[in-house]
Amino acid sequence: MAKPPESTKTNVTYYLKQHAKERWPQIESLDVRFRSNFAYVSAITVDDEELPLCRLRYGGSASTWGFAVYLASKDGYENSMLPNGQFSGSPQDCLDCACGLYFGDPSAWS
């Protein structure tokens, strides 16, 4: 699978950080790291805890990414379905799904 272009990486990082700032007050900062066709998203909470959230998989579109939630029990990522029943979505939808789970806020799925 192709790696995302640098412009896509920059845009996705910007939009995820902006969305986290607007929607998730529990997050002090968001870290987005890219490796091959994956983006790994983790948060530093206001309590100074590092929290892996999810992995996004680039499939050729900057607006739709595959979604895998981080499972602490596995210390790894599990391909997951978003609340809309799809296995891919916007980076912001993926972030909301993971944050809704980790921060106990099901309103993120409405």
Protein backbone atom coordinates (compact mmCIF):
# COMPACT_ATOMS: atom_id res chain seq x y z
CA MET A 1 0.00 0.00 0.00
CA ALA A 2 1.20 3.49 -0.80
CA LYS A 3 2.44 5.82 1.89
CA PRO A 4 0.56 9.08 2.32
CA PRO A 5 2.21 12.12 0.72
CA GLU A 6 3.83 14.69 3.01
CA SER A 7 1.00 17.16 2.36
CA THR A 8 -1.54 14.59 3.56
CA LYS A 9 0.50 13.85 6.67
CA THR A 10 0.71 17.56 7.46
CA ASN A 11 -3.01 18.13 6.89
CA VAL A 12 -4.16 15.09 8.86
CA THR A 13 -1.92 16.03 11.78
CA TYR A 14 -3.25 19.60 11.76
CA TYR A 15 -6.92 18.57 11.58
CA LEU A 16 -6.57 15.92 14.29
CA LYS A 17 -4.84 18.33 16.66
CA GLN A 18 -7.40 21.05 15.96
CA HIS A 19 -10.29 18.63 16.51
CA ALA A 20 -8.78 17.34 19.75
CA LYS A 21 -8.38 20.90 21.02
CA GLU A 22 -12.03 21.74 20.21
CA ARG A 23 -13.70 18.49 21.31
CA TRP A 24 -11.56 16.78 23.94
CA PRO A 25 -10.57 18.96 26.92
CA GLN A 26 -8.98 15.88 28.57
CA ILE A 27 -6.19 16.05 25.98
CA GLU A 28 -3.29 18.39 26.64
CA SER A 29 -1.52 17.49 23.41
CA LEU A 30 -1.90 15.01 20.58
CA ASP A 31 0.96 13.10 18.95
CA VAL A 32 0.59 11.77 15.40
CA ARG A 33 3.43 9.61 14.10
CA PHE A 34 3.61 8.11 10.62
CA ARG A 35 5.17 4.81 9.67
CA SER A 36 4.64 3.36 6.21
CA ASN A 37 0.91 3.71 5.44
CA PHE A 38 -0.09 4.06 9.11
CA ALA A 39 -0.61 7.02 11.41
CA TYR A 40 -0.34 6.27 15.13
CA VAL A 41 -2.32 8.66 17.32
CA SER A 42 -1.66 9.08 21.03
CA ALA A 43 -2.58 11.72 23.57
CA ILE A 44 -0.95 13.34 26.54
CA THR A 45 -3.77 13.94 28.98
CA VAL A 46 -4.14 16.93 31.30
CA ASP A 47 -3.02 14.49 34.04
CA ASP A 48 0.27 14.04 32.12
CA GLU A 49 -0.53 10.44 31.15
CA GLU A 50 0.50 9.15 27.72
CA LEU A 51 -2.41 7.31 26.16
CA PRO A 52 -2.17 5.45 22.83
CA LEU A 53 -5.55 5.88 21.12
CA CYS A 54 -5.66 4.45 17.62
CA ARG A 55 -3.96 3.63 14.36
CA LEU A 56 -5.17 5.03 11.06
CA ARG A 57 -4.46 3.18 7.81
CA TYR A 58 -3.99 5.21 4.64
CA GLY A 59 -5.80 3.76 1.68
CA GLY A 60 -5.19 6.42 -0.94
CA SER A 61 -7.60 9.10 0.28
CA ALA A 62 -6.73 11.94 2.65
CA SER A 63 -10.32 12.05 3.92
CA THR A 64 -10.97 8.34 4.62
CA TRP A 65 -8.69 6.16 6.72
CA GLY A 66 -8.97 2.63 8.10
CA PHE A 67 -9.43 2.49 11.87
CA ALA A 68 -7.86 0.32 14.56
CA VAL A 69 -8.30 1.05 18.26
CA TYR A 70 -5.44 0.54 20.71
CA LEU A 71 -6.11 -2.27 23.18
CA ALA A 72 -4.03 -2.10 26.35
CA SER A 73 -4.88 -5.75 27.05
CA LYS A 74 -3.06 -6.74 23.85
CA ASP A 75 -0.58 -3.87 23.87
CA GLY A 76 -1.50 -3.50 20.23
CA TYR A 77 -4.07 -2.36 17.71
CA GLU A 78 -7.25 -4.14 16.66
CA ASN A 79 -9.08 -3.30 13.44
CA SER A 80 -12.37 -1.86 14.61
CA MET A 81 -15.71 -0.65 13.39
CA LEU A 82 -16.74 2.97 13.80
CA PRO A 83 -20.15 3.77 15.33
CA ASN A 84 -21.59 4.27 11.82
CA GLY A 85 -20.87 0.60 11.03
CA GLN A 86 -17.92 1.30 8.72
CA PHE A 87 -14.31 0.15 9.14
CA SER A 88 -13.01 3.45 7.80
CA GLY A 89 -13.86 7.11 8.15
CA SER A 90 -12.46 10.59 8.55
CA PRO A 91 -9.50 10.97 10.87
CA GLN A 92 -11.71 13.06 13.17
CA ASP A 93 -14.38 10.32 13.34
CA CYS A 94 -11.68 7.79 14.20
CA LEU A 95 -10.30 10.05 16.93
CA ASP A 96 -13.79 10.58 18.36
CA CYS A 97 -14.45 6.85 18.45
CA ALA A 98 -11.20 6.11 20.31
CA CYS A 99 -11.59 9.06 22.70
CA GLY A 100 -15.22 8.14 23.36
CA LEU A 101 -14.02 4.72 24.49
CA TYR A 102 -11.01 5.86 26.52
CA PHE A 103 -12.66 8.88 28.12
CA GLY A 104 -16.04 7.21 28.67
CA ASP A 105 -17.99 9.68 26.54
CA PRO A 106 -20.49 7.89 24.27
CA SER A 107 -21.83 11.27 23.08
CA ALA A 108 -18.84 11.21 20.72
CA TRP A 109 -20.62 8.53 18.70
CA SER A 110 -23.78 10.54 18.00
